[in-house]
Protein backbone atom coordinates (compact mmCIF):
# COMPACT_ATOMS: atom_id res chain seq x y z
CA UNK A 1 -15.21 -22.21 11.99
CA UNK A 2 -18.35 -23.55 10.29
CA UNK A 3 -21.23 -21.10 9.85
CA UNK A 4 -23.93 -21.03 12.51
CA UNK A 5 -27.55 -20.99 11.52
CA UNK A 6 -27.02 -19.31 8.16
CA UNK A 7 -26.26 -20.18 4.60
CA UNK A 8 -22.75 -21.52 3.96
CA UNK A 9 -20.16 -18.97 2.91
CA UNK A 10 -19.81 -18.41 -0.82
CA UNK A 11 -17.29 -16.17 -2.51
CA UNK A 12 -17.95 -15.06 -6.08
CA UNK A 13 -17.99 -12.21 -8.52
CA UNK A 14 -20.80 -9.69 -8.82
CA UNK A 15 -21.75 -7.62 -11.82
CA UNK A 16 -19.47 -4.58 -11.96
CA UNK A 17 -17.76 -5.47 -8.68
CA UNK A 18 -16.69 -8.16 -6.30
CA UNK A 19 -19.32 -9.82 -4.13
CA UNK A 20 -18.64 -11.84 -1.00
CA UNK A 21 -21.14 -13.74 1.10
CA UNK A 22 -19.60 -14.78 4.40
CA UNK A 23 -21.98 -16.32 6.94
CA UNK A 24 -24.79 -14.15 5.64
CA UNK A 25 -22.77 -10.91 5.49
CA UNK A 26 -22.64 -9.40 2.02
CA UNK A 27 -20.28 -6.87 0.49
CA UNK A 28 -20.21 -5.76 -3.11
CA UNK A 29 -17.78 -3.03 -4.00
CA UNK A 30 -16.91 -1.56 -7.40
CA UNK A 31 -13.81 -2.76 -9.22
CA UNK A 32 -12.33 0.71 -9.07
CA UNK A 33 -9.00 1.25 -7.30
CA UNK A 34 -7.16 4.45 -6.44
CA UNK A 35 -3.41 3.92 -6.04
CA UNK A 36 -1.36 6.82 -4.70
CA UNK A 37 2.27 7.02 -5.74
CA UNK A 38 1.49 5.01 -8.86
CA UNK A 39 3.72 6.82 -11.33
CA UNK A 40 6.64 4.47 -10.54
CA UNK A 41 8.00 1.73 -8.33
CA UNK A 42 5.70 -0.34 -6.15
CA UNK A 43 2.73 1.94 -6.84
CA UNK A 44 3.03 1.43 -10.58
CA UNK A 45 3.34 -2.35 -10.16
CA UNK A 46 0.23 -2.33 -7.96
CA UNK A 47 -1.78 -0.30 -10.49
CA UNK A 48 -0.83 -2.67 -13.31
CA UNK A 49 -1.53 -5.78 -11.23
CA UNK A 50 -4.96 -4.53 -10.20
CA UNK A 51 -5.79 -3.66 -13.79
CA UNK A 52 -4.93 -7.23 -14.68
CA UNK A 53 -7.48 -8.34 -12.07
CA UNK A 54 -10.19 -6.23 -13.67
CA UNK A 55 -9.95 -2.89 -11.85
CA UNK A 56 -10.22 0.57 -13.34
CA UNK A 57 -7.38 2.63 -11.84
CA UNK A 58 -6.98 6.11 -10.44
CA UNK A 59 -3.31 7.03 -10.98
CA UNK A 60 -1.63 9.84 -9.05
CA UNK A 61 1.19 11.95 -10.42
CA UNK A 62 3.68 13.91 -8.33
CA UNK A 63 6.54 15.14 -10.50
CA UNK A 64 6.82 12.88 -13.53
CA UNK A 65 4.14 13.32 -16.20
CA UNK A 66 5.72 10.77 -18.53
CA UNK A 67 5.89 8.00 -15.93
CA UNK A 68 2.29 8.58 -14.85
CA UNK A 69 1.19 8.41 -18.48
CA UNK A 70 3.16 5.16 -18.88
CA UNK A 71 1.32 3.67 -15.91
CA UNK A 72 -2.02 4.73 -17.34
CA UNK A 73 -1.08 3.27 -20.72
CA UNK A 74 -0.30 -0.11 -19.14
CA UNK A 75 -3.66 -0.05 -17.36
CA UNK A 76 -5.44 0.69 -20.62
CA UNK A 77 -3.55 -2.08 -22.41
CA UNK A 78 -5.12 -4.42 -19.86
CA UNK A 79 -8.52 -3.23 -21.09
CA UNK A 80 -9.31 -1.04 -18.08
CA UNK A 81 -9.94 2.68 -17.66
CA UNK A 82 -7.32 4.98 -16.14
CA UNK A 83 -7.58 8.52 -14.84
CA UNK A 84 -4.60 10.63 -13.73
CA UNK A 85 -4.61 13.40 -11.15
CA UNK A 86 -1.84 15.39 -9.43
CA UNK A 87 -0.98 14.58 -5.82
CA UNK A 88 1.46 16.37 -3.52
CA UNK A 89 1.01 15.09 0.02
CA UNK A 90 3.02 17.95 1.49
CA UNK A 91 0.02 20.16 0.62
CA UNK A 92 -2.40 18.94 3.26
CA UNK A 93 -5.24 18.66 3.91
CA UNK A 94 -6.37 19.76 0.44
CA UNK A 95 -4.17 17.18 -1.34
CA UNK A 96 -6.57 14.46 -0.17
CA UNK A 97 -9.16 15.93 -2.54
CA UNK A 98 -7.54 13.65 -5.13
CA UNK A 99 -9.56 10.72 -3.75
CA UNK A 100 -12.84 12.47 -4.44
CA UNK A 101 -11.65 13.73 -7.83
CA UNK A 102 -10.64 10.26 -9.02
CA UNK A 103 -13.73 8.60 -7.52
CA UNK A 104 -15.96 11.10 -9.31
CA UNK A 105 -14.13 10.57 -12.59
CA UNK A 106 -14.24 6.76 -12.39
CA UNK A 107 -17.67 6.35 -10.83
CA UNK A 108 -16.78 5.36 -7.27
CA UNK A 109 -14.04 3.68 -5.26
CA UNK A 110 -13.88 0.11 -4.04
CA UNK A 111 -10.17 -0.09 -3.21
CA UNK A 112 -7.65 2.46 -1.96
CA UNK A 113 -3.96 1.66 -1.91
CA UNK A 114 -1.85 4.21 -0.02
CA UNK A 115 1.54 3.80 -1.67
CA UNK A 116 3.00 7.30 -1.94
CA UNK A 117 6.02 7.62 0.32
CA UNK A 118 9.27 9.44 0.96
CA UNK A 119 12.29 8.95 3.20
CA UNK A 120 15.84 10.12 3.80
CA UNK A 121 18.91 8.96 5.71
CA UNK A 122 19.76 11.41 8.49
CA UNK A 123 20.55 10.74 12.16
CA UNK A 124 17.96 11.98 14.64
CA UNK A 125 20.37 14.57 16.04
CA UNK A 126 20.74 16.11 12.58
CA UNK A 127 17.13 15.87 11.38
CA UNK A 128 15.59 19.28 10.76
CA UNK A 129 11.99 20.12 11.56
CA UNK A 130 11.09 20.71 7.90
CA UNK A 131 12.44 17.30 6.87
CA UNK A 132 10.70 15.60 9.81
CA UNK A 133 7.37 17.20 8.92
CA UNK A 134 7.74 16.36 5.21
CA UNK A 135 8.19 12.65 5.92
CA UNK A 136 5.36 12.56 8.47
CA UNK A 137 3.06 14.44 6.08
CA UNK A 138 3.69 12.16 3.11
CA UNK A 139 3.99 8.83 4.95
CA UNK A 140 1.39 9.23 7.72
CA UNK A 141 -0.80 12.35 7.53
CA UNK A 142 -1.51 11.89 3.83
CA UNK A 143 -2.45 8.20 4.06
CA UNK A 144 -4.73 9.01 7.02
CA UNK A 145 -6.57 11.72 5.10
CA UNK A 146 -6.81 9.69 1.87
CA UNK A 147 -8.06 6.63 3.76
CA UNK A 148 -10.60 8.78 5.60
CA UNK A 149 -11.91 10.21 2.32
CA UNK A 150 -12.14 6.78 0.69
CA UNK A 151 -13.75 5.19 3.76
CA UNK A 152 -16.41 7.89 3.96
CA UNK A 153 -17.33 7.20 0.34
CA UNK A 154 -17.37 3.44 0.92
CA UNK A 155 -19.58 3.79 3.98
CA UNK A 156 -21.97 6.11 2.15
CA UNK A 157 -22.19 3.71 -0.82
CA UNK A 158 -22.93 0.79 1.50
CA UNK A 159 -21.02 -1.83 -0.52
CA UNK A 160 -17.91 -2.34 1.62
CA UNK A 161 -14.40 -2.00 0.25
CA UNK A 162 -10.69 -2.47 0.77
CA UNK A 163 -8.03 -0.12 2.14
CA UNK A 164 -4.42 -1.26 1.85
CA UNK A 165 -1.57 0.78 3.33
CA UNK A 166 1.97 0.19 2.09
CA UNK A 167 4.15 0.43 5.16
CA UNK A 168 7.61 -1.19 5.43
CA UNK A 169 9.52 -3.67 7.53
CA UNK A 170 10.35 -0.48 9.45
CA UNK A 171 6.73 -0.41 10.57
CA UNK A 172 8.01 -2.69 13.35
CA UNK A 173 11.82 -2.59 13.17
CA UNK A 174 14.10 0.46 13.56
CA UNK A 175 16.81 1.60 11.19
CA UNK A 176 19.65 3.97 11.94
CA UNK A 177 19.16 7.28 10.12
CA UNK A 178 15.45 6.70 9.49
CA UNK A 179 13.84 8.16 12.58
CA UNK A 180 11.13 10.09 10.75
CA UNK A 181 10.43 7.24 8.32
CA UNK A 182 10.18 4.64 11.08
CA UNK A 183 7.93 6.89 13.17
CA UNK A 184 5.61 7.44 10.20
CA UNK A 185 5.47 3.80 9.12
CA UNK A 186 5.00 2.61 12.69
CA UNK A 187 2.13 5.05 13.08
CA UNK A 188 0.57 3.95 9.81
CA UNK A 189 0.76 0.33 10.91
CA UNK A 190 -1.16 1.00 14.09
CA UNK A 191 -3.61 3.29 12.30
CA UNK A 192 -4.31 0.35 9.97
CA UNK A 193 -5.36 -1.77 12.94
CA UNK A 194 -7.60 0.93 14.43
CA UNK A 195 -9.31 1.51 11.09
CA UNK A 196 -9.82 -2.24 10.70
CA UNK A 197 -11.65 -2.26 14.04
CA UNK A 198 -13.79 0.74 13.24
CA UNK A 199 -14.65 -0.05 9.62
CA UNK A 200 -15.32 -3.77 9.85
CA UNK A 201 -18.98 -3.15 10.61
CA UNK A 202 -19.28 -1.55 7.16
CA UNK A 203 -17.72 -4.47 5.30
CA UNK A 204 -14.46 -2.59 4.78
CA UNK A 205 -11.21 -4.43 5.39
CA UNK A 206 -8.01 -2.52 6.20
CA UNK A 207 -4.60 -4.17 5.93
CA UNK A 208 -0.95 -3.21 5.59
CA UNK A 209 1.72 -4.61 3.29
CA UNK A 210 5.25 -4.23 4.65
CA UNK A 211 7.97 -4.50 1.99
CA UNK A 212 11.61 -5.12 2.73
CA UNK A 213 14.29 -4.06 0.27
CA UNK A 214 12.58 -3.80 -3.13
CA UNK A 215 14.36 -2.91 -6.37
CA UNK A 216 12.70 0.48 -7.06
CA UNK A 217 13.80 4.10 -7.59
CA UNK A 218 13.36 4.71 -3.83
CA UNK A 219 16.16 2.21 -3.09
CA UNK A 220 18.31 3.40 -6.00
CA UNK A 221 17.61 0.26 -8.04
CA UNK A 222 15.18 1.42 -10.72
CA UNK A 223 16.65 -0.70 -13.52
CA UNK A 224 18.16 -3.50 -11.44
CA UNK A 225 17.21 -7.16 -11.82
CA UNK A 226 16.79 -8.34 -8.19
CA UNK A 227 17.98 -11.81 -9.15
CA UNK A 228 21.44 -10.39 -9.93
CA UNK A 229 21.88 -8.82 -6.47
CA UNK A 230 23.37 -10.78 -3.57
CA UNK A 231 21.91 -10.22 -0.09
CA UNK A 232 23.52 -12.78 2.26
CA UNK A 233 21.60 -11.42 5.28
CA UNK A 234 18.21 -12.15 3.72
CA UNK A 235 17.02 -15.78 3.67
CA UNK A 236 15.94 -15.59 0.02
CA UNK A 237 19.28 -13.97 -0.79
CA UNK A 238 18.14 -11.05 -2.95
CA UNK A 239 16.04 -7.87 -2.99
CA UNK A 240 12.39 -8.13 -3.97
CA UNK A 241 10.67 -7.18 -7.20
CA UNK A 242 7.88 -4.59 -7.05
CA UNK A 243 5.58 -7.09 -8.75
CA UNK A 244 6.00 -9.45 -5.81
CA UNK A 245 4.61 -6.75 -3.52
CA UNK A 246 1.83 -6.01 -6.00
CA UNK A 247 0.73 -9.65 -6.00
CA UNK A 248 0.06 -9.51 -2.26
CA UNK A 249 -1.83 -6.23 -2.63
CA UNK A 250 -3.96 -7.76 -5.39
CA UNK A 251 -4.85 -10.68 -3.12
CA UNK A 252 -5.87 -8.35 -0.28
CA UNK A 253 -7.94 -6.26 -2.70
CA UNK A 254 -9.85 -9.25 -4.00
CA UNK A 255 -12.72 -11.45 -2.83
CA UNK A 256 -10.60 -14.24 -1.38
CA UNK A 257 -9.27 -11.94 1.36
CA UNK A 258 -12.75 -11.07 2.61
CA UNK A 259 -12.03 -12.34 6.15
CA UNK A 260 -8.59 -10.72 6.43
CA UNK A 261 -8.37 -7.39 8.23
CA UNK A 262 -6.06 -5.54 10.60
CA UNK A 263 -3.03 -7.57 9.48
CA UNK A 264 0.40 -6.52 8.30
CA UNK A 265 1.84 -8.67 5.53
CA UNK A 266 5.67 -8.64 5.25
CA UNK A 267 7.02 -9.03 1.73
CA UNK A 268 10.68 -9.09 2.67
CA UNK A 269 12.33 -12.34 1.61
CA UNK A 270 12.53 -13.30 5.28
CA UNK A 271 14.45 -10.17 6.34
CA UNK A 272 12.46 -9.73 9.56
CA UNK A 273 13.44 -13.23 10.67
CA UNK A 274 17.10 -12.29 10.85
CA UNK A 275 17.15 -9.72 13.67
CA UNK A 276 19.07 -11.51 16.44
CA UNK A 277 21.00 -13.79 14.11
CA UNK A 278 21.92 -10.99 11.74
CA UNK A 279 23.02 -8.82 14.66
CA UNK A 280 25.20 -11.52 16.16
CA UNK A 281 27.08 -11.96 12.86
CA UNK A 282 28.01 -8.31 12.29
CA UNK A 283 31.76 -7.85 12.16
CA UNK A 284 32.02 -4.06 12.31
CA UNK A 285 30.32 -0.84 13.36
CA UNK A 286 29.29 0.33 9.91
CA UNK A 287 25.63 -0.21 10.81
CA UNK A 288 25.82 2.76 13.20
CA UNK A 289 25.92 5.18 10.26
CA UNK A 290 22.99 5.91 7.87
């Protein structure tokens, strides 16, 4: 819609951060991003992509010092600063302190990407309480607490910001053997929408990115070229590359997504389109097992 009674919308870059003027509303947030789970996989691709767009990066490390250092090195090769801190989202609520630690080290936070995640394949009847709680802690409780910490800083700074939650196609679609994972990702998807409602008044957008099958360590494809893998049930016919997810995150983090909030962006090669058709073409009962 055209603007009413105000200056026309202009999107541009501010000094030391992005600036957006939309119908008289102004946000200017620092080009500093914290990316959880950034030692490998999608998180690493996101950190590198954001560095390429001019962001300093807060990297989190869980178990692998070498991989976290590799991520930081790629960020620095792009000419940006990188800080690394440990993060274990099973140690809540204190693990969320990492947001404040990285923001203090880098001089603020303009973007938070909640990418750390975990999952396992176990039927609901066989899922133990400890495993259930671990997945919910890492995939839902942790993102809630990290987003809350980042949002409080963004509100206090008064410059707006971006929060991007990495969910999954299982945010909306079930999978046998993934009860805890689906519950967590579904909860994170709806939390994204509530936060978008509540934080919009502060110039903070909150969105989700929902990957399908991506060639990463989490799917057992750390060193696999997605183009060499055949997926007949996916319209694009292959798994995704982590960099394809990162490109969508970079868009949502930037100034051109200033009027996008509360949305979930599938990056799945069309997988979600295939529900009824895929189901009607199954020839066996193998899908009933994790």
